[in-house]
Amino acid sequence: LPPGTLTDLRSAAVNNKWFARLVVRHGLHQHLQHGLVELDCEIRKFVQNVKEKPDASCFEDLSAPKVLGDLLESITGAIFVDTNFDLERLWRVVLPLLSPLVTPATLRFHPVHILMELCARKGMKVSFFRTEATTTEVRVTFGEESLVETSQEKPRKSAKIDAALKMLASLQTSRC
């Protein structure tokens, strides 16, 4: 595969949001022990989001508690150590948790990637920047006109994705 496709595959398959969705899908989040009310609230919101959108792309979940992705990584590490570093046995246990695997056929591209390519094809200029401490803005300029979308998601990376998704929706409904 070309390097760009390999990078996109890695980004889609190995990220916290995807791992968090897998943890919720398999009910592993119910076994996480902690004493933080805020974290419990974040996990509940994420679980509800996964239930409402079970087939959503990992890019659509704008906030996945990092601890959920860490839980899958910790379980995988513990199994690897417990199997005496036997990769074959590790894969027999972990592969069902990771299914369905991301393949070139099922790959969903990152919204920022899609926006950048779309705008490049149409000769539009795209710029992202922080307008305030909590606001990310995306501006698409074509000729003398521009469209602007903003997001106040946290963290900044999620805000950029959210703003790109909003811009893609705006571009679909606009005349450009």
N, C-alpha and C. Protein backbone atom coordinates (compact mmCIF):
# COMPACT_ATOMS: atom_id res chain seq x y z
N LEU A 1 0.84 -1.19 0.00
CA LEU A 1 0.00 0.00 0.00
C LEU A 1 0.88 1.25 0.00
N PRO A 2 0.37 2.34 -0.55
CA PRO A 2 1.14 3.59 -0.50
C PRO A 2 1.29 4.07 0.95
N PRO A 3 2.37 4.80 1.22
CA PRO A 3 2.62 5.28 2.60
C PRO A 3 1.44 6.07 3.19
N GLY A 4 0.79 6.89 2.40
CA GLY A 4 -0.34 7.67 2.91
C GLY A 4 -1.48 6.79 3.39
N THR A 5 -1.77 5.72 2.62
CA THR A 5 -2.84 4.80 3.01
C THR A 5 -2.46 4.04 4.27
N LEU A 6 -1.19 3.64 4.37
CA LEU A 6 -0.73 2.97 5.60
C LEU A 6 -0.87 3.87 6.81
N THR A 7 -0.53 5.15 6.64
CA THR A 7 -0.67 6.11 7.74
C THR A 7 -2.13 6.26 8.14
N ASP A 8 -3.01 6.35 7.15
CA ASP A 8 -4.45 6.47 7.43
C ASP A 8 -4.98 5.22 8.13
N LEU A 9 -4.52 4.04 7.70
CA LEU A 9 -4.94 2.79 8.35
C LEU A 9 -4.49 2.76 9.81
N ARG A 10 -3.24 3.12 10.05
CA ARG A 10 -2.73 3.13 11.41
C ARG A 10 -3.52 4.11 12.28
N SER A 11 -3.78 5.30 11.74
CA SER A 11 -4.51 6.31 12.50
C SER A 11 -5.92 5.85 12.83
N ALA A 12 -6.56 5.15 11.91
CA ALA A 12 -7.93 4.69 12.13
C ALA A 12 -7.98 3.50 13.08
N ALA A 13 -6.95 2.64 13.03
CA ALA A 13 -6.99 1.40 13.81
C ALA A 13 -6.39 1.54 15.20
N VAL A 14 -5.48 2.45 15.38
CA VAL A 14 -4.78 2.57 16.65
C VAL A 14 -5.00 3.98 17.20
N ASN A 15 -6.17 4.17 17.78
CA ASN A 15 -6.43 5.46 18.41
C ASN A 15 -7.36 5.28 19.59
N ASN A 16 -7.32 6.20 20.48
CA ASN A 16 -8.05 6.09 21.74
C ASN A 16 -9.57 5.96 21.53
N LYS A 17 -10.12 6.69 20.59
CA LYS A 17 -11.57 6.63 20.38
C LYS A 17 -12.01 5.26 19.90
N TRP A 18 -11.24 4.66 18.99
CA TRP A 18 -11.58 3.33 18.51
C TRP A 18 -11.45 2.32 19.65
N PHE A 19 -10.36 2.38 20.41
CA PHE A 19 -10.18 1.48 21.55
C PHE A 19 -11.31 1.66 22.56
N ALA A 20 -11.69 2.90 22.83
CA ALA A 20 -12.77 3.17 23.79
C ALA A 20 -14.08 2.57 23.31
N ARG A 21 -14.38 2.68 22.01
CA ARG A 21 -15.60 2.08 21.46
C ARG A 21 -15.57 0.56 21.64
N LEU A 22 -14.41 -0.06 21.42
CA LEU A 22 -14.29 -1.51 21.57
C LEU A 22 -14.51 -1.92 23.03
N VAL A 23 -13.96 -1.15 23.95
CA VAL A 23 -14.13 -1.44 25.38
C VAL A 23 -15.62 -1.39 25.75
N VAL A 24 -16.32 -0.37 25.26
CA VAL A 24 -17.75 -0.24 25.56
C VAL A 24 -18.53 -1.37 24.88
N ARG A 25 -18.21 -1.66 23.63
CA ARG A 25 -18.92 -2.71 22.89
C ARG A 25 -18.86 -4.05 23.63
N HIS A 26 -17.72 -4.33 24.26
CA HIS A 26 -17.54 -5.59 24.96
C HIS A 26 -17.87 -5.50 26.46
N GLY A 27 -18.33 -4.34 26.91
CA GLY A 27 -18.74 -4.18 28.30
C GLY A 27 -17.60 -4.15 29.30
N LEU A 28 -16.40 -3.96 28.82
CA LEU A 28 -15.24 -3.96 29.72
C LEU A 28 -15.21 -2.73 30.62
N HIS A 29 -15.84 -1.65 30.20
CA HIS A 29 -15.85 -0.41 31.00
C HIS A 29 -16.51 -0.63 32.36
N GLN A 30 -17.39 -1.61 32.43
CA GLN A 30 -18.10 -1.88 33.69
C GLN A 30 -17.18 -2.41 34.77
N HIS A 31 -16.00 -2.85 34.40
CA HIS A 31 -15.07 -3.43 35.36
C HIS A 31 -13.99 -2.44 35.79
N LEU A 32 -14.05 -1.24 35.27
CA LEU A 32 -13.07 -0.21 35.63
C LEU A 32 -13.38 0.31 37.03
N GLN A 33 -12.41 0.26 37.92
CA GLN A 33 -12.61 0.74 39.28
C GLN A 33 -11.92 2.08 39.46
N HIS A 34 -12.68 3.05 39.91
CA HIS A 34 -12.16 4.39 40.16
C HIS A 34 -13.11 5.08 41.12
N GLY A 35 -12.71 6.22 41.60
CA GLY A 35 -13.55 6.95 42.54
C GLY A 35 -13.83 8.38 42.09
N LEU A 36 -13.81 8.63 40.79
CA LEU A 36 -13.97 9.99 40.29
C LEU A 36 -15.36 10.20 39.69
N VAL A 37 -16.12 11.08 40.27
CA VAL A 37 -17.47 11.37 39.79
C VAL A 37 -17.43 11.94 38.37
N GLU A 38 -16.48 12.84 38.11
CA GLU A 38 -16.38 13.45 36.78
C GLU A 38 -16.09 12.40 35.71
N LEU A 39 -15.20 11.47 36.02
CA LEU A 39 -14.85 10.42 35.08
C LEU A 39 -16.05 9.52 34.83
N ASP A 40 -16.77 9.19 35.87
CA ASP A 40 -17.96 8.36 35.72
C ASP A 40 -18.96 9.04 34.80
N CYS A 41 -19.12 10.34 34.93
CA CYS A 41 -20.04 11.10 34.08
C CYS A 41 -19.57 11.06 32.62
N GLU A 42 -18.27 11.25 32.39
CA GLU A 42 -17.71 11.20 31.03
C GLU A 42 -17.93 9.83 30.41
N ILE A 43 -17.70 8.79 31.18
CA ILE A 43 -17.86 7.42 30.67
C ILE A 43 -19.31 7.17 30.32
N ARG A 44 -20.23 7.59 31.18
CA ARG A 44 -21.66 7.40 30.89
C ARG A 44 -22.08 8.10 29.60
N LYS A 45 -21.60 9.33 29.41
CA LYS A 45 -21.91 10.07 28.17
C LYS A 45 -21.38 9.34 26.96
N PHE A 46 -20.15 8.86 27.07
CA PHE A 46 -19.55 8.15 25.94
C PHE A 46 -20.30 6.85 25.65
N VAL A 47 -20.65 6.10 26.69
CA VAL A 47 -21.39 4.84 26.52
C VAL A 47 -22.72 5.14 25.82
N GLN A 48 -23.40 6.20 26.23
CA GLN A 48 -24.67 6.57 25.61
C GLN A 48 -24.46 6.92 24.14
N ASN A 49 -23.40 7.65 23.84
CA ASN A 49 -23.06 8.01 22.47
C ASN A 49 -22.84 6.76 21.63
N VAL A 50 -22.12 5.78 22.17
CA VAL A 50 -21.85 4.53 21.45
C VAL A 50 -23.15 3.76 21.22
N LYS A 51 -24.03 3.76 22.21
CA LYS A 51 -25.31 3.06 22.07
C LYS A 51 -26.19 3.72 21.00
N GLU A 52 -26.16 5.05 20.96
CA GLU A 52 -26.96 5.78 19.97
C GLU A 52 -26.41 5.66 18.57
N LYS A 53 -25.08 5.57 18.45
CA LYS A 53 -24.42 5.47 17.14
C LYS A 53 -23.44 4.30 17.14
N PRO A 54 -23.94 3.07 17.12
CA PRO A 54 -23.04 1.91 17.22
C PRO A 54 -22.08 1.76 16.04
N ASP A 55 -22.45 2.26 14.89
CA ASP A 55 -21.60 2.10 13.70
C ASP A 55 -20.85 3.36 13.33
N ALA A 56 -20.82 4.32 14.23
CA ALA A 56 -20.17 5.60 13.94
C ALA A 56 -18.67 5.43 13.78
N SER A 57 -18.10 6.29 12.99
CA SER A 57 -16.65 6.31 12.82
C SER A 57 -16.02 6.82 14.10
N CYS A 58 -14.77 6.43 14.33
CA CYS A 58 -14.08 6.90 15.53
C CYS A 58 -13.89 8.42 15.48
N PHE A 59 -14.01 9.03 14.30
CA PHE A 59 -13.85 10.47 14.20
C PHE A 59 -15.11 11.21 14.64
N GLU A 60 -16.24 10.50 14.69
CA GLU A 60 -17.49 11.15 15.08
C GLU A 60 -17.65 11.27 16.59
N ASP A 61 -16.98 10.41 17.35
CA ASP A 61 -17.02 10.50 18.81
C ASP A 61 -16.07 11.60 19.21
N LEU A 62 -16.61 12.72 19.62
CA LEU A 62 -15.76 13.87 19.85
C LEU A 62 -15.09 13.88 21.21
N SER A 63 -15.52 13.00 22.10
CA SER A 63 -14.83 12.93 23.39
C SER A 63 -14.94 11.52 23.95
N ALA A 64 -13.83 10.83 23.95
CA ALA A 64 -13.76 9.49 24.53
C ALA A 64 -12.80 9.58 25.71
N PRO A 65 -13.26 9.20 26.90
CA PRO A 65 -12.34 9.24 28.04
C PRO A 65 -11.11 8.39 27.77
N LYS A 66 -9.95 8.98 27.94
CA LYS A 66 -8.69 8.30 27.65
C LYS A 66 -8.55 7.00 28.43
N VAL A 67 -9.11 6.96 29.61
CA VAL A 67 -8.99 5.77 30.46
C VAL A 67 -9.60 4.54 29.79
N LEU A 68 -10.59 4.72 28.93
CA LEU A 68 -11.20 3.56 28.26
C LEU A 68 -10.23 2.94 27.25
N GLY A 69 -9.57 3.78 26.47
CA GLY A 69 -8.56 3.26 25.54
C GLY A 69 -7.41 2.64 26.30
N ASP A 70 -7.03 3.28 27.39
CA ASP A 70 -5.94 2.75 28.22
C ASP A 70 -6.31 1.38 28.80
N LEU A 71 -7.59 1.18 29.08
CA LEU A 71 -8.04 -0.10 29.62
C LEU A 71 -7.77 -1.23 28.63
N LEU A 72 -8.08 -1.02 27.36
CA LEU A 72 -7.80 -2.04 26.35
C LEU A 72 -6.30 -2.31 26.22
N GLU A 73 -5.52 -1.24 26.23
CA GLU A 73 -4.06 -1.41 26.15
C GLU A 73 -3.53 -2.17 27.37
N SER A 74 -4.07 -1.88 28.54
CA SER A 74 -3.62 -2.56 29.77
C SER A 74 -3.99 -4.04 29.74
N ILE A 75 -5.19 -4.34 29.29
CA ILE A 75 -5.62 -5.74 29.21
C ILE A 75 -4.71 -6.50 28.23
N THR A 76 -4.44 -5.87 27.09
CA THR A 76 -3.57 -6.50 26.09
C THR A 76 -2.18 -6.74 26.66
N GLY A 77 -1.64 -5.76 27.35
CA GLY A 77 -0.32 -5.91 27.97
C GLY A 77 -0.30 -7.00 29.02
N ALA A 78 -1.36 -7.07 29.83
CA ALA A 78 -1.42 -8.10 30.88
C ALA A 78 -1.50 -9.51 30.26
N ILE A 79 -2.28 -9.64 29.20
CA ILE A 79 -2.38 -10.95 28.53
C ILE A 79 -1.03 -11.33 27.94
N PHE A 80 -0.35 -10.37 27.34
CA PHE A 80 0.96 -10.63 26.73
C PHE A 80 1.95 -11.13 27.78
N VAL A 81 1.96 -10.48 28.93
CA VAL A 81 2.87 -10.90 30.01
C VAL A 81 2.43 -12.26 30.56
N ASP A 82 1.12 -12.44 30.78
CA ASP A 82 0.62 -13.71 31.33
C ASP A 82 0.85 -14.90 30.40
N THR A 83 0.93 -14.66 29.09
CA THR A 83 1.16 -15.75 28.14
C THR A 83 2.66 -15.95 27.90
N ASN A 84 3.45 -15.33 28.74
CA ASN A 84 4.91 -15.43 28.62
C ASN A 84 5.40 -14.88 27.27
N PHE A 85 4.80 -13.76 26.87
CA PHE A 85 5.18 -13.04 25.65
C PHE A 85 4.95 -13.86 24.38
N ASP A 86 3.91 -14.66 24.38
CA ASP A 86 3.55 -15.50 23.23
C ASP A 86 2.56 -14.73 22.36
N LEU A 87 3.05 -14.19 21.24
CA LEU A 87 2.20 -13.38 20.36
C LEU A 87 1.04 -14.16 19.78
N GLU A 88 1.25 -15.41 19.47
CA GLU A 88 0.18 -16.23 18.89
C GLU A 88 -1.00 -16.36 19.88
N ARG A 89 -0.68 -16.65 21.12
CA ARG A 89 -1.74 -16.76 22.14
C ARG A 89 -2.38 -15.41 22.40
N LEU A 90 -1.58 -14.37 22.41
CA LEU A 90 -2.13 -13.01 22.59
C LEU A 90 -3.15 -12.71 21.51
N TRP A 91 -2.81 -12.96 20.25
CA TRP A 91 -3.72 -12.67 19.15
C TRP A 91 -5.00 -13.50 19.23
N ARG A 92 -4.90 -14.76 19.68
CA ARG A 92 -6.11 -15.59 19.80
C ARG A 92 -7.11 -14.96 20.78
N VAL A 93 -6.61 -14.31 21.81
CA VAL A 93 -7.48 -13.69 22.81
C VAL A 93 -7.93 -12.29 22.36
N VAL A 94 -7.00 -11.51 21.84
CA VAL A 94 -7.27 -10.10 21.57
C VAL A 94 -7.97 -9.86 20.23
N LEU A 95 -7.69 -10.68 19.24
CA LEU A 95 -8.27 -10.45 17.92
C LEU A 95 -9.80 -10.33 17.95
N PRO A 96 -10.52 -11.19 18.67
CA PRO A 96 -11.98 -11.02 18.73
C PRO A 96 -12.40 -9.68 19.35
N LEU A 97 -11.60 -9.16 20.27
CA LEU A 97 -11.93 -7.84 20.85
C LEU A 97 -11.77 -6.72 19.83
N LEU A 98 -10.81 -6.87 18.92
CA LEU A 98 -10.50 -5.82 17.96
C LEU A 98 -11.39 -5.85 16.72
N SER A 99 -12.16 -6.91 16.54
CA SER A 99 -12.98 -7.05 15.34
C SER A 99 -14.17 -6.10 15.40
N PRO A 100 -14.57 -5.54 14.29
CA PRO A 100 -14.01 -5.74 12.96
C PRO A 100 -12.74 -4.90 12.79
N LEU A 101 -11.74 -5.50 12.18
CA LEU A 101 -10.48 -4.79 11.94
C LEU A 101 -10.66 -3.76 10.83
N VAL A 102 -9.90 -2.71 10.93
CA VAL A 102 -9.91 -1.69 9.89
C VAL A 102 -9.06 -2.21 8.74
N THR A 103 -9.62 -2.18 7.55
CA THR A 103 -8.92 -2.61 6.34
C THR A 103 -8.98 -1.48 5.32
N PRO A 104 -8.21 -1.56 4.24
CA PRO A 104 -8.33 -0.51 3.22
C PRO A 104 -9.76 -0.37 2.70
N ALA A 105 -10.51 -1.48 2.66
CA ALA A 105 -11.89 -1.44 2.16
C ALA A 105 -12.85 -0.76 3.15
N THR A 106 -12.55 -0.85 4.45
CA THR A 106 -13.45 -0.27 5.46
C THR A 106 -12.94 1.04 6.04
N LEU A 107 -11.80 1.48 5.55
CA LEU A 107 -11.17 2.68 6.09
C LEU A 107 -12.05 3.92 5.90
N ARG A 108 -12.26 4.64 6.97
CA ARG A 108 -12.95 5.93 6.91
C ARG A 108 -11.89 6.99 7.14
N PHE A 109 -11.85 7.94 6.23
CA PHE A 109 -10.81 8.95 6.32
C PHE A 109 -11.13 10.00 7.36
N HIS A 110 -10.10 10.59 7.90
CA HIS A 110 -10.19 11.64 8.90
C HIS A 110 -10.89 12.85 8.28
N PRO A 111 -11.85 13.46 8.98
CA PRO A 111 -12.58 14.61 8.43
C PRO A 111 -11.68 15.76 7.98
N VAL A 112 -10.60 16.01 8.70
CA VAL A 112 -9.69 17.09 8.30
C VAL A 112 -9.03 16.71 6.97
N HIS A 113 -8.65 15.46 6.84
CA HIS A 113 -8.05 14.95 5.60
C HIS A 113 -9.03 15.12 4.44
N ILE A 114 -10.28 14.73 4.64
CA ILE A 114 -11.31 14.84 3.59
C ILE A 114 -11.51 16.30 3.20
N LEU A 115 -11.61 17.18 4.20
CA LEU A 115 -11.81 18.61 3.93
C LEU A 115 -10.64 19.19 3.14
N MET A 116 -9.43 18.86 3.55
CA MET A 116 -8.24 19.40 2.87
C MET A 116 -8.19 18.92 1.41
N GLU A 117 -8.47 17.65 1.17
CA GLU A 117 -8.44 17.13 -0.19
C GLU A 117 -9.55 17.73 -1.05
N LEU A 118 -10.75 17.82 -0.49
CA LEU A 118 -11.88 18.41 -1.22
C LEU A 118 -11.57 19.84 -1.63
N CYS A 119 -11.08 20.61 -0.69
CA CYS A 119 -10.79 22.02 -0.97
C CYS A 119 -9.63 22.16 -1.96
N ALA A 120 -8.65 21.29 -1.89
CA ALA A 120 -7.53 21.33 -2.83
C ALA A 120 -8.03 21.06 -4.25
N ARG A 121 -8.93 20.08 -4.39
CA ARG A 121 -9.49 19.77 -5.72
C ARG A 121 -10.29 20.93 -6.29
N LYS A 122 -10.97 21.67 -5.42
CA LYS A 122 -11.83 22.77 -5.87
C LYS A 122 -11.13 24.12 -5.86
N GLY A 123 -9.85 24.13 -5.53
CA GLY A 123 -9.09 25.38 -5.52
C GLY A 123 -9.46 26.32 -4.39
N MET A 124 -9.90 25.75 -3.28
CA MET A 124 -10.27 26.55 -2.11
C MET A 124 -9.14 26.51 -1.09
N LYS A 125 -9.05 27.55 -0.32
CA LYS A 125 -8.04 27.64 0.73
C LYS A 125 -8.69 27.29 2.07
N VAL A 126 -8.01 26.47 2.87
CA VAL A 126 -8.52 26.05 4.18
C VAL A 126 -7.55 26.52 5.25
N SER A 127 -8.08 27.08 6.33
CA SER A 127 -7.23 27.44 7.46
C SER A 127 -7.95 27.14 8.77
N PHE A 128 -7.20 26.61 9.71
CA PHE A 128 -7.69 26.34 11.06
C PHE A 128 -6.93 27.22 12.02
N PHE A 129 -7.61 27.79 13.01
CA PHE A 129 -6.89 28.51 14.05
C PHE A 129 -7.76 28.65 15.29
N ARG A 130 -7.10 28.91 16.40
CA ARG A 130 -7.80 29.14 17.67
C ARG A 130 -8.19 30.60 17.73
N THR A 131 -9.47 30.87 17.93
CA THR A 131 -9.91 32.25 18.04
C THR A 131 -9.94 32.70 19.49
N GLU A 132 -10.13 31.76 20.37
CA GLU A 132 -10.12 32.02 21.82
C GLU A 132 -9.48 30.81 22.47
N ALA A 133 -9.35 30.83 23.76
CA ALA A 133 -8.73 29.71 24.47
C ALA A 133 -9.52 28.42 24.25
N THR A 134 -10.83 28.52 24.03
CA THR A 134 -11.63 27.30 23.91
C THR A 134 -12.31 27.15 22.55
N THR A 135 -12.01 27.98 21.59
CA THR A 135 -12.70 27.93 20.30
C THR A 135 -11.72 27.71 19.16
N THR A 136 -12.05 26.74 18.31
CA THR A 136 -11.30 26.49 17.09
C THR A 136 -12.17 26.91 15.92
N GLU A 137 -11.57 27.59 14.96
CA GLU A 137 -12.30 28.06 13.79
C GLU A 137 -11.67 27.46 12.54
N VAL A 138 -12.51 27.06 11.60
CA VAL A 138 -12.04 26.65 10.28
C VAL A 138 -12.66 27.62 9.28
N ARG A 139 -11.83 28.09 8.36
CA ARG A 139 -12.29 29.03 7.34
C ARG A 139 -11.93 28.45 5.98
N VAL A 140 -12.92 28.38 5.09
CA VAL A 140 -12.70 27.95 3.72
C VAL A 140 -12.97 29.15 2.84
N THR A 141 -11.97 29.51 2.03
CA THR A 141 -12.07 30.69 1.18
C THR A 141 -12.06 30.24 -0.28
N PHE A 142 -13.00 30.78 -1.04
CA PHE A 142 -13.09 30.51 -2.48
C PHE A 142 -13.43 31.82 -3.16
N GLY A 143 -12.49 32.30 -3.97
CA GLY A 143 -12.67 33.61 -4.60
C GLY A 143 -12.72 34.68 -3.53
N GLU A 144 -13.75 35.49 -3.58
CA GLU A 144 -13.94 36.56 -2.61
C GLU A 144 -14.79 36.12 -1.42
N GLU A 145 -15.34 34.93 -1.49
CA GLU A 145 -16.24 34.46 -0.44
C GLU A 145 -15.53 33.52 0.52
N SER A 146 -16.08 33.39 1.71
CA SER A 146 -15.58 32.39 2.65
C SER A 146 -16.70 31.88 3.53
N LEU A 147 -16.51 30.66 3.99
CA LEU A 147 -17.39 30.04 4.96
C LEU A 147 -16.57 29.85 6.24
N VAL A 148 -17.23 30.03 7.38
CA VAL A 148 -16.56 29.86 8.66
C VAL A 148 -17.40 28.95 9.54
N GLU A 149 -16.74 28.01 10.18
CA GLU A 149 -17.38 27.15 11.17
C GLU A 149 -16.49 27.15 12.42
N THR A 150 -17.11 27.02 13.58
CA THR A 150 -16.34 27.00 14.82
C THR A 150 -16.74 25.79 15.67
N SER A 151 -15.87 25.48 16.61
CA SER A 151 -16.15 24.42 17.56
C SER A 151 -15.53 24.78 18.90
N GLN A 152 -16.21 24.39 19.95
CA GLN A 152 -15.68 24.63 21.29
C GLN A 152 -15.42 23.31 22.01
N GLU A 153 -15.22 22.26 21.24
CA GLU A 153 -14.91 20.95 21.83
C GLU A 153 -13.56 21.01 22.54
N LYS A 154 -13.40 20.15 23.52
CA LYS A 154 -12.11 19.98 24.18
C LYS A 154 -11.73 18.53 24.01
N PRO A 155 -10.54 18.18 23.80
CA PRO A 155 -9.36 19.01 23.59
C PRO A 155 -9.32 19.62 22.19
N ARG A 156 -8.26 20.32 21.91
CA ARG A 156 -8.10 21.06 20.67
C ARG A 156 -8.24 20.15 19.44
N LYS A 157 -7.69 18.94 19.52
CA LYS A 157 -7.76 18.00 18.40
C LYS A 157 -9.22 17.65 18.08
N SER A 158 -10.03 17.45 19.11
CA SER A 158 -11.44 17.16 18.91
C SER A 158 -12.16 18.35 18.31
N ALA A 159 -11.78 19.54 18.72
CA ALA A 159 -12.40 20.75 18.17
C ALA A 159 -12.10 20.88 16.69
N LYS A 160 -10.90 20.54 16.29
CA LYS A 160 -10.52 20.62 14.87
C LYS A 160 -11.36 19.63 14.06
N ILE A 161 -11.54 18.43 14.57
CA ILE A 161 -12.36 17.42 13.89
C ILE A 161 -13.81 17.90 13.80
N ASP A 162 -14.33 18.40 14.90
CA ASP A 162 -15.71 18.89 14.94
C ASP A 162 -15.91 20.03 13.95
N ALA A 163 -14.98 20.98 13.92
CA ALA A 163 -15.08 22.10 12.99
C ALA A 163 -15.01 21.60 11.54
N ALA A 164 -14.15 20.63 11.27
CA ALA A 164 -14.06 20.07 9.91
C ALA A 164 -15.35 19.38 9.50
N LEU A 165 -15.95 18.61 10.42
CA LEU A 165 -17.23 17.95 10.12
C LEU A 165 -18.32 18.99 9.83
N LYS A 166 -18.36 20.05 10.62
CA LYS A 166 -19.34 21.11 10.39
C LYS A 166 -19.11 21.78 9.03
N MET A 167 -17.84 22.00 8.69
CA MET A 167 -17.52 22.64 7.41
C MET A 167 -17.90 21.73 6.25
N LEU A 168 -17.63 20.45 6.35
CA LEU A 168 -18.01 19.52 5.30
C LEU A 168 -19.52 19.54 5.09
N ALA A 169 -20.28 19.59 6.18
CA ALA A 169 -21.75 19.67 6.06
C ALA A 169 -22.17 20.99 5.42
N SER A 170 -21.51 22.08 5.80
CA SER A 170 -21.83 23.38 5.20
C SER A 170 -21.51 23.41 3.71
N LEU A 171 -20.39 22.82 3.33
CA LEU A 171 -19.99 22.80 1.91
C LEU A 171 -20.98 21.96 1.09
N GLN A 172 -21.55 20.92 1.69
CA GLN A 172 -22.54 20.12 0.97
C GLN A 172 -23.81 20.90 0.70
N THR A 173 -24.19 21.78 1.62
CA THR A 173 -25.45 22.53 1.44
C THR A 173 -25.24 23.87 0.74
N SER A 174 -23.99 24.31 0.63
CA SER A 174 -23.74 25.61 -0.03
C SER A 174 -23.62 25.42 -1.53
N ARG A 175 -23.46 26.49 -2.23
CA ARG A 175 -23.39 26.43 -3.69
C ARG A 175 -21.97 26.22 -4.20
N CYS A 176 -20.98 25.99 -3.34
CA CYS A 176 -19.61 25.81 -3.82
C CYS A 176 -19.26 24.37 -4.07
